[in-house]
Amino acid sequence: MSGPRKRPALGALIFLGIGCSLAMYFTFAAVQGDFGLFRRIQIEADATRLRLEKATLENELADFENRTKRLSDGYLDLDLLDERARTVLGLIRADEIVIR
């Protein structure tokens, strides 16, 4: 009364196993691979950090250019010259009192 029992074909199980394995591999590669999501987030964080560092260095460069211009022969800032002489050489004027 009961007909022959059908069991899944072995080829279909192998195909399903290979398909699942490939899907898991590509999912893993998409998340943690060299070009995956985690790597992209890390690269974006590095880019943001480097942009901030670049802005800081540009500000320092502008400050150095300003000081260099102010101490050049064509434009001499006497206050800056006085400040640098006091700092570097430790000079003071005769009418000043030094408190330590």
PDB file of N, CA and C in Angstrom:
ATOM      1  N   MET A   1       0.767  -1.157   0.000  1.00  0.00           N
ATOM      2  CA  MET A   1       0.000   0.000   0.000  1.00  0.00           C
ATOM      3  C   MET A   1       0.834   1.258   0.000  1.00  0.00           C
ATOM      4  N   SER A   2       1.864   1.187   0.668  1.00  0.00           N
ATOM      5  CA  SER A   2       2.702   2.370   0.604  1.00  0.00           C
ATOM      6  C   SER A   2       3.721   2.175  -0.512  1.00  0.00           C
ATOM      7  N   GLY A   3       3.949   3.256  -1.226  1.00  0.00           N
ATOM      8  CA  GLY A   3       4.877   3.214  -2.345  1.00  0.00           C
ATOM      9  C   GLY A   3       6.313   3.302  -1.853  1.00  0.00           C
ATOM     10  N   PRO A   4       7.223   3.216  -2.756  1.00  0.00           N
ATOM     11  CA  PRO A   4       8.622   3.330  -2.342  1.00  0.00           C
ATOM     12  C   PRO A   4       8.881   4.706  -1.737  1.00  0.00           C
ATOM     13  N   ARG A   5       9.608   4.708  -0.652  1.00  0.00           N
ATOM     14  CA  ARG A   5       9.914   5.950   0.045  1.00  0.00           C
ATOM     15  C   ARG A   5      10.970   6.723  -0.741  1.00  0.00           C
ATOM     16  N   LYS A   6      10.714   8.010  -0.937  1.00  0.00           N
ATOM     17  CA  LYS A   6      11.666   8.829  -1.697  1.00  0.00           C
ATOM     18  C   LYS A   6      12.566   9.563  -0.716  1.00  0.00           C
ATOM     19  N   ARG A   7      13.816   9.542  -0.954  1.00  0.00           N
ATOM     20  CA  ARG A   7      14.745  10.312  -0.141  1.00  0.00           C
ATOM     21  C   ARG A   7      15.403  11.356  -1.038  1.00  0.00           C
ATOM     22  N   PRO A   8      15.882  12.440  -0.436  1.00  0.00           N
ATOM     23  CA  PRO A   8      16.455  13.506  -1.258  1.00  0.00           C
ATOM     24  C   PRO A   8      17.650  12.979  -2.044  1.00  0.00           C
ATOM     25  N   ALA A   9      17.791  13.495  -3.204  1.00  0.00           N
ATOM     26  CA  ALA A   9      18.910  13.085  -4.049  1.00  0.00           C
ATOM     27  C   ALA A   9      20.212  13.581  -3.441  1.00  0.00           C
ATOM     28  N   LEU A  10      21.217  12.786  -3.534  1.00  0.00           N
ATOM     29  CA  LEU A  10      22.525  13.131  -2.978  1.00  0.00           C
ATOM     30  C   LEU A  10      23.100  14.362  -3.668  1.00  0.00           C
ATOM     31  N   GLY A  11      22.868  14.512  -4.942  1.00  0.00           N
ATOM     32  CA  GLY A  11      23.354  15.681  -5.696  1.00  0.00           C
ATOM     33  C   GLY A  11      22.758  16.974  -5.183  1.00  0.00           C
ATOM     34  N   ALA A  12      21.477  16.944  -4.822  1.00  0.00           N
ATOM     35  CA  ALA A  12      20.820  18.146  -4.307  1.00  0.00           C
ATOM     36  C   ALA A  12      21.411  18.550  -2.961  1.00  0.00           C
ATOM     37  N   LEU A  13      21.712  17.576  -2.101  1.00  0.00           N
ATOM     38  CA  LEU A  13      22.328  17.894  -0.802  1.00  0.00           C
ATOM     39  C   LEU A  13      23.723  18.480  -0.980  1.00  0.00           C
ATOM     40  N   ILE A  14      24.487  17.910  -1.903  1.00  0.00           N
ATOM     41  CA  ILE A  14      25.834  18.444  -2.164  1.00  0.00           C
ATOM     42  C   ILE A  14      25.735  19.863  -2.708  1.00  0.00           C
ATOM     43  N   PHE A  15      24.824  20.090  -3.644  1.00  0.00           N
ATOM     44  CA  PHE A  15      24.618  21.423  -4.213  1.00  0.00           C
ATOM     45  C   PHE A  15      24.219  22.419  -3.130  1.00  0.00           C
ATOM     46  N   LEU A  16      23.316  22.020  -2.239  1.00  0.00           N
ATOM     47  CA  LEU A  16      22.884  22.884  -1.149  1.00  0.00           C
ATOM     48  C   LEU A  16      24.039  23.188  -0.198  1.00  0.00           C
ATOM     49  N   GLY A  17      24.849  22.178   0.111  1.00  0.00           N
ATOM     50  CA  GLY A  17      25.998  22.381   0.998  1.00  0.00           C
ATOM     51  C   GLY A  17      27.018  23.335   0.398  1.00  0.00           C
ATOM     52  N   ILE A  18      27.319  23.163  -0.881  1.00  0.00           N
ATOM     53  CA  ILE A  18      28.277  24.058  -1.551  1.00  0.00           C
ATOM     54  C   ILE A  18      27.715  25.480  -1.620  1.00  0.00           C
ATOM     55  N   GLY A  19      26.430  25.596  -1.906  1.00  0.00           N
ATOM     56  CA  GLY A  19      25.796  26.921  -1.965  1.00  0.00           C
ATOM     57  C   GLY A  19      25.845  27.639  -0.626  1.00  0.00           C
ATOM     58  N   CYS A  20      25.557  26.930   0.450  1.00  0.00           N
ATOM     59  CA  CYS A  20      25.612  27.537   1.788  1.00  0.00           C
ATOM     60  C   CYS A  20      27.041  27.926   2.150  1.00  0.00           C
ATOM     61  N   SER A  21      27.996  27.069   1.798  1.00  0.00           N
ATOM     62  CA  SER A  21      29.401  27.369   2.091  1.00  0.00           C
ATOM     63  C   SER A  21      29.853  28.622   1.354  1.00  0.00           C
ATOM     64  N   LEU A  22      29.503  28.720   0.081  1.00  0.00           N
ATOM     65  CA  LEU A  22      29.874  29.918  -0.686  1.00  0.00           C
ATOM     66  C   LEU A  22      29.204  31.164  -0.131  1.00  0.00           C
ATOM     67  N   ALA A  23      27.953  31.064   0.250  1.00  0.00           N
ATOM     68  CA  ALA A  23      27.249  32.214   0.820  1.00  0.00           C
ATOM     69  C   ALA A  23      27.908  32.675   2.114  1.00  0.00           C
ATOM     70  N   MET A  24      28.301  31.740   2.964  1.00  0.00           N
ATOM     71  CA  MET A  24      28.980  32.095   4.217  1.00  0.00           C
ATOM     72  C   MET A  24      30.340  32.725   3.929  1.00  0.00           C
ATOM     73  N   TYR A  25      31.073  32.189   2.967  1.00  0.00           N
ATOM     74  CA  TYR A  25      32.396  32.733   2.630  1.00  0.00           C
ATOM     75  C   TYR A  25      32.275  34.174   2.127  1.00  0.00           C
ATOM     76  N   PHE A  26      31.351  34.410   1.195  1.00  0.00           N
ATOM     77  CA  PHE A  26      31.217  35.755   0.641  1.00  0.00           C
ATOM     78  C   PHE A  26      30.675  36.744   1.670  1.00  0.00           C
ATOM     79  N   THR A  27      29.827  36.287   2.574  1.00  0.00           N
ATOM     80  CA  THR A  27      29.355  37.152   3.648  1.00  0.00           C
ATOM     81  C   THR A  27      30.499  37.540   4.571  1.00  0.00           C
ATOM     82  N   PHE A  28      31.324  36.574   4.928  1.00  0.00           N
ATOM     83  CA  PHE A  28      32.481  36.852   5.770  1.00  0.00           C
ATOM     84  C   PHE A  28      33.432  37.815   5.071  1.00  0.00           C
ATOM     85  N   ALA A  29      33.693  37.589   3.783  1.00  0.00           N
ATOM     86  CA  ALA A  29      34.602  38.459   3.032  1.00  0.00           C
ATOM     87  C   ALA A  29      34.039  39.872   2.919  1.00  0.00           C
ATOM     88  N   ALA A  30      32.714  39.996   2.789  1.00  0.00           N
ATOM     89  CA  ALA A  30      32.102  41.320   2.668  1.00  0.00           C
ATOM     90  C   ALA A  30      32.186  42.104   3.970  1.00  0.00           C
ATOM     91  N   VAL A  31      32.254  41.401   5.085  1.00  0.00           N
ATOM     92  CA  VAL A  31      32.294  42.091   6.376  1.00  0.00           C
ATOM     93  C   VAL A  31      33.722  42.300   6.849  1.00  0.00           C
ATOM     94  N   GLN A  32      34.566  41.271   6.796  1.00  0.00           N
ATOM     95  CA  GLN A  32      35.892  41.365   7.392  1.00  0.00           C
ATOM     96  C   GLN A  32      37.039  41.240   6.406  1.00  0.00           C
ATOM     97  N   GLY A  33      36.787  41.193   5.146  1.00  0.00           N
ATOM     98  CA  GLY A  33      37.849  41.050   4.166  1.00  0.00           C
ATOM     99  C   GLY A  33      38.644  42.333   3.982  1.00  0.00           C
ATOM    100  N   ASP A  34      39.599  42.297   3.048  1.00  0.00           N
ATOM    101  CA  ASP A  34      40.438  43.468   2.781  1.00  0.00           C
ATOM    102  C   ASP A  34      39.626  44.664   2.294  1.00  0.00           C
ATOM    103  N   PHE A  35      38.529  44.411   1.615  1.00  0.00           N
ATOM    104  CA  PHE A  35      37.663  45.479   1.126  1.00  0.00           C
ATOM    105  C   PHE A  35      36.295  45.435   1.791  1.00  0.00           C
ATOM    106  N   GLY A  36      36.221  44.889   2.992  1.00  0.00           N
ATOM    107  CA  GLY A  36      34.961  44.712   3.703  1.00  0.00           C
ATOM    108  C   GLY A  36      34.538  45.954   4.469  1.00  0.00           C
ATOM    109  N   LEU A  37      33.433  45.808   5.178  1.00  0.00           N
ATOM    110  CA  LEU A  37      32.857  46.933   5.914  1.00  0.00           C
ATOM    111  C   LEU A  37      33.758  47.421   7.046  1.00  0.00           C
ATOM    112  N   PHE A  38      34.343  46.493   7.793  1.00  0.00           N
ATOM    113  CA  PHE A  38      35.208  46.901   8.905  1.00  0.00           C
ATOM    114  C   PHE A  38      36.427  47.669   8.399  1.00  0.00           C
ATOM    115  N   ARG A  39      37.000  47.221   7.301  1.00  0.00           N
ATOM    116  CA  ARG A  39      38.163  47.912   6.728  1.00  0.00           C
ATOM    117  C   ARG A  39      37.764  49.307   6.245  1.00  0.00           C
ATOM    118  N   ARG A  40      36.575  49.421   5.667  1.00  0.00           N
ATOM    119  CA  ARG A  40      36.113  50.719   5.185  1.00  0.00           C
ATOM    120  C   ARG A  40      35.918  51.694   6.345  1.00  0.00           C
ATOM    121  N   ILE A  41      35.340  51.214   7.439  1.00  0.00           N
ATOM    122  CA  ILE A  41      35.152  52.069   8.617  1.00  0.00           C
ATOM    123  C   ILE A  41      36.505  52.518   9.166  1.00  0.00           C
ATOM    124  N   GLN A  42      37.473  51.616   9.198  1.00  0.00           N
ATOM    125  CA  GLN A  42      38.815  51.955   9.674  1.00  0.00           C
ATOM    126  C   GLN A  42      39.466  52.993   8.765  1.00  0.00           C
ATOM    127  N   ILE A  43      39.328  52.845   7.471  1.00  0.00           N
ATOM    128  CA  ILE A  43      39.914  53.797   6.528  1.00  0.00           C
ATOM    129  C   ILE A  43      39.265  55.172   6.671  1.00  0.00           C
ATOM    130  N   GLU A  44      37.950  55.215   6.855  1.00  0.00           N
ATOM    131  CA  GLU A  44      37.270  56.499   7.036  1.00  0.00           C
ATOM    132  C   GLU A  44      37.707  57.178   8.331  1.00  0.00           C
ATOM    133  N   ALA A  45      37.909  56.409   9.392  1.00  0.00           N
ATOM    134  CA  ALA A  45      38.388  56.986  10.658  1.00  0.00           C
ATOM    135  C   ALA A  45      39.801  57.528  10.490  1.00  0.00           C
ATOM    136  N   ASP A  46      40.648  56.788   9.781  1.00  0.00           N
ATOM    137  CA  ASP A  46      42.010  57.264   9.524  1.00  0.00           C
ATOM    138  C   ASP A  46      41.997  58.537   8.684  1.00  0.00           C
ATOM    139  N   ALA A  47      41.116  58.588   7.694  1.00  0.00           N
ATOM    140  CA  ALA A  47      41.028  59.772   6.843  1.00  0.00           C
ATOM    141  C   ALA A  47      40.596  60.993   7.653  1.00  0.00           C
ATOM    142  N   THR A  48      39.646  60.808   8.557  1.00  0.00           N
ATOM    143  CA  THR A  48      39.201  61.918   9.401  1.00  0.00           C
ATOM    144  C   THR A  48      40.332  62.401  10.309  1.00  0.00           C
ATOM    145  N   ARG A  49      41.058  61.441  10.902  1.00  0.00           N
ATOM    146  CA  ARG A  49      42.177  61.805  11.765  1.00  0.00           C
ATOM    147  C   ARG A  49      43.261  62.553  10.982  1.00  0.00           C
ATOM    148  N   LEU A  50      43.539  62.096   9.774  1.00  0.00           N
ATOM    149  CA  LEU A  50      44.566  62.745   8.958  1.00  0.00           C
ATOM    150  C   LEU A  50      44.126  64.133   8.491  1.00  0.00           C
ATOM    151  N   ARG A  51      42.822  64.320   8.232  1.00  0.00           N
ATOM    152  CA  ARG A  51      42.343  65.658   7.866  1.00  0.00           C
ATOM    153  C   ARG A  51      42.534  66.634   9.033  1.00  0.00           C
ATOM    154  N   LEU A  52      42.242  66.178  10.252  1.00  0.00           N
ATOM    155  CA  LEU A  52      42.441  67.036  11.425  1.00  0.00           C
ATOM    156  C   LEU A  52      43.918  67.360  11.619  1.00  0.00           C
ATOM    157  N   GLU A  53      44.766  66.363  11.434  1.00  0.00           N
ATOM    158  CA  GLU A  53      46.208  66.585  11.564  1.00  0.00           C
ATOM    159  C   GLU A  53      46.698  67.556  10.497  1.00  0.00           C
ATOM    160  N   LYS A  54      46.164  67.444   9.285  1.00  0.00           N
ATOM    161  CA  LYS A  54      46.544  68.351   8.201  1.00  0.00           C
ATOM    162  C   LYS A  54      46.148  69.782   8.541  1.00  0.00           C
ATOM    163  N   ALA A  55      44.939  69.955   9.067  1.00  0.00           N
ATOM    164  CA  ALA A  55      44.483  71.295   9.437  1.00  0.00           C
ATOM    165  C   ALA A  55      45.365  71.887  10.534  1.00  0.00           C
ATOM    166  N   THR A  56      45.753  71.067  11.500  1.00  0.00           N
ATOM    167  CA  THR A  56      46.641  71.538  12.571  1.00  0.00           C
ATOM    168  C   THR A  56      47.994  71.964  12.007  1.00  0.00           C
ATOM    169  N   LEU A  57      48.539  71.143  11.119  1.00  0.00           N
ATOM    170  CA  LEU A  57      49.837  71.471  10.529  1.00  0.00           C
ATOM    171  C   LEU A  57      49.765  72.710   9.641  1.00  0.00           C
ATOM    172  N   GLU A  58      48.648  72.892   8.935  1.00  0.00           N
ATOM    173  CA  GLU A  58      48.492  74.098   8.123  1.00  0.00           C
ATOM    174  C   GLU A  58      48.439  75.342   9.001  1.00  0.00           C
ATOM    175  N   ASN A  59      47.781  75.244  10.163  1.00  0.00           N
ATOM    176  CA  ASN A  59      47.743  76.381  11.093  1.00  0.00           C
ATOM    177  C   ASN A  59      49.133  76.695  11.627  1.00  0.00           C
ATOM    178  N   GLU A  60      49.890  75.652  11.974  1.00  0.00           N
ATOM    179  CA  GLU A  60      51.259  75.874  12.445  1.00  0.00           C
ATOM    180  C   GLU A  60      52.112  76.503  11.354  1.00  0.00           C
ATOM    181  N   LEU A  61      51.957  76.036  10.120  1.00  0.00           N
ATOM    182  CA  LEU A  61      52.723  76.587   9.009  1.00  0.00           C
ATOM    183  C   LEU A  61      52.388  78.056   8.793  1.00  0.00           C
ATOM    184  N   ALA A  62      51.099  78.387   8.863  1.00  0.00           N
ATOM    185  CA  ALA A  62      50.695  79.792   8.709  1.00  0.00           C
ATOM    186  C   ALA A  62      51.298  80.649   9.820  1.00  0.00           C
ATOM    187  N   ASP A  63      51.346  80.119  11.046  1.00  0.00           N
ATOM    188  CA  ASP A  63      51.953  80.856  12.153  1.00  0.00           C
ATOM    189  C   ASP A  63      53.444  81.068  11.918  1.00  0.00           C
ATOM    190  N   PHE A  64      54.138  80.024  11.469  1.00  0.00           N
ATOM    191  CA  PHE A  64      55.574  80.156  11.193  1.00  0.00           C
ATOM    192  C   PHE A  64      55.830  81.130  10.048  1.00  0.00           C
ATOM    193  N   GLU A  65      54.995  81.088   9.013  1.00  0.00           N
ATOM    194  CA  GLU A  65      55.164  82.034   7.904  1.00  0.00           C
ATOM    195  C   GLU A  65      54.949  83.462   8.374  1.00  0.00           C
ATOM    196  N   ASN A  66      53.966  83.659   9.255  1.00  0.00           N
ATOM    197  CA  ASN A  66      53.690  84.987   9.794  1.00  0.00           C
ATOM    198  C   ASN A  66      54.882  85.493  10.615  1.00  0.00           C
ATOM    199  N   ARG A  67      55.412  84.637  11.478  1.00  0.00           N
ATOM    200  CA  ARG A  67      56.567  85.053  12.290  1.00  0.00           C
ATOM    201  C   ARG A  67      57.797  85.309  11.422  1.00  0.00           C
ATOM    202  N   THR A  68      57.990  84.480  10.407  1.00  0.00           N
ATOM    203  CA  THR A  68      59.135  84.677   9.517  1.00  0.00           C
ATOM    204  C   THR A  68      59.014  85.999   8.782  1.00  0.00           C
ATOM    205  N   LYS A  69      57.804  86.303   8.322  1.00  0.00           N
ATOM    206  CA  LYS A  69      57.595  87.572   7.623  1.00  0.00           C
ATOM    207  C   LYS A  69      57.843  88.746   8.559  1.00  0.00           C
ATOM    208  N   ARG A  70      57.380  88.602   9.806  1.00  0.00           N
ATOM    209  CA  ARG A  70      57.533  89.709  10.760  1.00  0.00           C
ATOM    210  C   ARG A  70      58.981  89.919  11.178  1.00  0.00           C
ATOM    211  N   LEU A  71      59.841  88.927  11.002  1.00  0.00           N
ATOM    212  CA  LEU A  71      61.261  89.100  11.345  1.00  0.00           C
ATOM    213  C   LEU A  71      62.132  89.295  10.108  1.00  0.00           C
ATOM    214  N   SER A  72      61.540  89.432   8.931  1.00  0.00           N
ATOM    215  CA  SER A  72      62.325  89.580   7.705  1.00  0.00           C
ATOM    216  C   SER A  72      62.854  91.007   7.587  1.00  0.00           C
ATOM    217  N   ASP A  73      63.753  91.192   6.624  1.00  0.00           N
ATOM    218  CA  ASP A  73      64.361  92.511   6.427  1.00  0.00           C
ATOM    219  C   ASP A  73      63.355  93.543   5.943  1.00  0.00           C
ATOM    220  N   GLY A  74      62.414  93.126   5.100  1.00  0.00           N
ATOM    221  CA  GLY A  74      61.447  94.070   4.546  1.00  0.00           C
ATOM    222  C   GLY A  74      60.400  94.521   5.553  1.00  0.00           C
ATOM    223  N   TYR A  75      60.161  93.728   6.577  1.00  0.00           N
ATOM    224  CA  TYR A  75      59.120  94.049   7.562  1.00  0.00           C
ATOM    225  C   TYR A  75      59.618  93.568   8.909  1.00  0.00           C
ATOM    226  N   LEU A  76      60.041  94.465   9.762  1.00  0.00           N
ATOM    227  CA  LEU A  76      60.601  94.085  11.054  1.00  0.00           C
ATOM    228  C   LEU A  76      59.649  94.500  12.172  1.00  0.00           C
ATOM    229  N   ASP A  77      59.182  93.542  12.930  1.00  0.00           N
ATOM    230  CA  ASP A  77      58.302  93.789  14.066  1.00  0.00           C
ATOM    231  C   ASP A  77      59.184  93.854  15.319  1.00  0.00           C
ATOM    232  N   LEU A  78      59.340  95.054  15.854  1.00  0.00           N
ATOM    233  CA  LEU A  78      60.248  95.243  16.983  1.00  0.00           C
ATOM    234  C   LEU A  78      59.772  94.525  18.241  1.00  0.00           C
ATOM    235  N   ASP A  79      58.476  94.440  18.448  1.00  0.00           N
ATOM    236  CA  ASP A  79      57.968  93.726  19.619  1.00  0.00           C
ATOM    237  C   ASP A  79      58.313  92.239  19.546  1.00  0.00           C
ATOM    238  N   LEU A  80      58.164  91.659  18.366  1.00  0.00           N
ATOM    239  CA  LEU A  80      58.505  90.246  18.204  1.00  0.00           C
ATOM    240  C   LEU A  80      60.007  90.039  18.356  1.00  0.00           C
ATOM    241  N   LEU A  81      60.804  90.946  17.816  1.00  0.00           N
ATOM    242  CA  LEU A  81      62.258  90.849  17.957  1.00  0.00           C
ATOM    243  C   LEU A  81      62.657  90.939  19.429  1.00  0.00           C
ATOM    244  N   ASP A  82      62.028  91.851  20.161  1.00  0.00           N
ATOM    245  CA  ASP A  82      62.305  91.998  21.586  1.00  0.00           C
ATOM    246  C   ASP A  82      61.913  90.724  22.344  1.00  0.00           C
ATOM    247  N   GLU A  83      60.765  90.171  22.018  1.00  0.00           N
ATOM    248  CA  GLU A  83      60.314  88.939  22.671  1.00  0.00           C
ATOM    249  C   GLU A  83      61.273  87.780  22.413  1.00  0.00           C
ATOM    250  N   ARG A  84      61.691  87.610  21.183  1.00  0.00           N
ATOM    251  CA  ARG A  84      62.599  86.507  20.835  1.00  0.00           C
ATOM    252  C   ARG A  84      63.965  86.692  21.508  1.00  0.00           C
ATOM    253  N   ALA A  85      64.476  87.932  21.566  1.00  0.00           N
ATOM    254  CA  ALA A  85      65.760  88.188  22.224  1.00  0.00           C
ATOM    255  C   ALA A  85      65.680  87.866  23.709  1.00  0.00           C
ATOM    256  N   ARG A  86      64.573  88.217  24.340  1.00  0.00           N
ATOM    257  CA  ARG A  86      64.406  87.915  25.756  1.00  0.00           C
ATOM    258  C   ARG A  86      64.322  86.409  25.997  1.00  0.00           C
ATOM    259  N   THR A  87      63.594  85.705  25.132  1.00  0.00           N
ATOM    260  CA  THR A  87      63.411  84.262  25.303  1.00  0.00           C
ATOM    261  C   THR A  87      64.688  83.493  25.021  1.00  0.00           C
ATOM    262  N   VAL A  88      65.307  83.777  23.891  1.00  0.00           N
ATOM    263  CA  VAL A  88      66.475  82.992  23.460  1.00  0.00           C
ATOM    264  C   VAL A  88      67.728  83.386  24.229  1.00  0.00           C
ATOM    265  N   LEU A  89      67.972  84.670  24.350  1.00  0.00           N
ATOM    266  CA  LEU A  89      69.221  85.140  24.966  1.00  0.00           C
ATOM    267  C   LEU A  89      69.096  85.429  26.452  1.00  0.00           C
ATOM    268  N   GLY A  90      67.884  85.490  26.953  1.00  0.00           N
ATOM    269  CA  GLY A  90      67.694  85.770  28.374  1.00  0.00           C
ATOM    270  C   GLY A  90      68.010  87.221  28.725  1.00  0.00           C
ATOM    271  N   LEU A  91      67.776  88.129  27.805  1.00  0.00           N
ATOM    272  CA  LEU A  91      68.084  89.540  28.027  1.00  0.00           C
ATOM    273  C   LEU A  91      66.947  90.247  28.748  1.00  0.00           C
ATOM    274  N   ILE A  92      67.313  91.273  29.527  1.00  0.00           N
ATOM    275  CA  ILE A  92      66.319  92.143  30.153  1.00  0.00           C
ATOM    276  C   ILE A  92      66.803  93.576  30.011  1.00  0.00           C
ATOM    277  N   ARG A  93      65.855  94.510  30.138  1.00  0.00           N
ATOM    278  CA  ARG A  93      66.246  95.919  30.094  1.00  0.00           C
ATOM    279  C   ARG A  93      66.746  96.348  31.470  1.00  0.00           C
ATOM    280  N   ALA A  94      67.449  97.448  31.494  1.00  0.00           N
ATOM    281  CA  ALA A  94      68.045  97.923  32.750  1.00  0.00           C
ATOM    282  C   ALA A  94      66.992  98.365  33.758  1.00  0.00           C
ATOM    283  N   ASP A  95      65.849  98.818  33.283  1.00  0.00           N
ATOM    284  CA  ASP A  95      64.824  99.328  34.200  1.00  0.00           C
ATOM    285  C   ASP A  95      63.822  98.239  34.628  1.00  0.00           C
ATOM    286  N   GLU A  96      64.077  96.983  34.337  1.00  0.00           N
ATOM    287  CA  GLU A  96      63.158  95.902  34.699  1.00  0.00           C
ATOM    288  C   GLU A  96      63.646  95.141  35.921  1.00  0.00           C
ATOM    289  N   ILE A  97      62.705  94.594  36.677  1.00  0.00           N
ATOM    290  CA  ILE A  97      63.023  93.769  37.837  1.00  0.00           C
ATOM    291  C   ILE A  97      62.540  92.345  37.523  1.00  0.00           C
ATOM    292  N   VAL A  98      63.417  91.383  37.745  1.00  0.00           N
ATOM    293  CA  VAL A  98      63.087  89.991  37.460  1.00  0.00           C
ATOM    294  C   VAL A  98      62.634  89.332  38.761  1.00  0.00           C
ATOM    295  N   ILE A  99      61.437  88.715  38.740  1.00  0.00           N
ATOM    296  CA  ILE A  99      60.908  88.011  39.886  1.00  0.00           C
ATOM    297  C   ILE A  99      60.807  86.528  39.502  1.00  0.00           C
ATOM    298  N   ARG A 100      61.394  85.677  40.320  1.00  0.00           N
ATOM    299  CA  ARG A 100      61.361  84.245  40.016  1.00  0.00           C
ATOM    300  C   ARG A 100      60.490  83.530  40.988  1.00  0.00           C
TER     301      ARG A 100
END
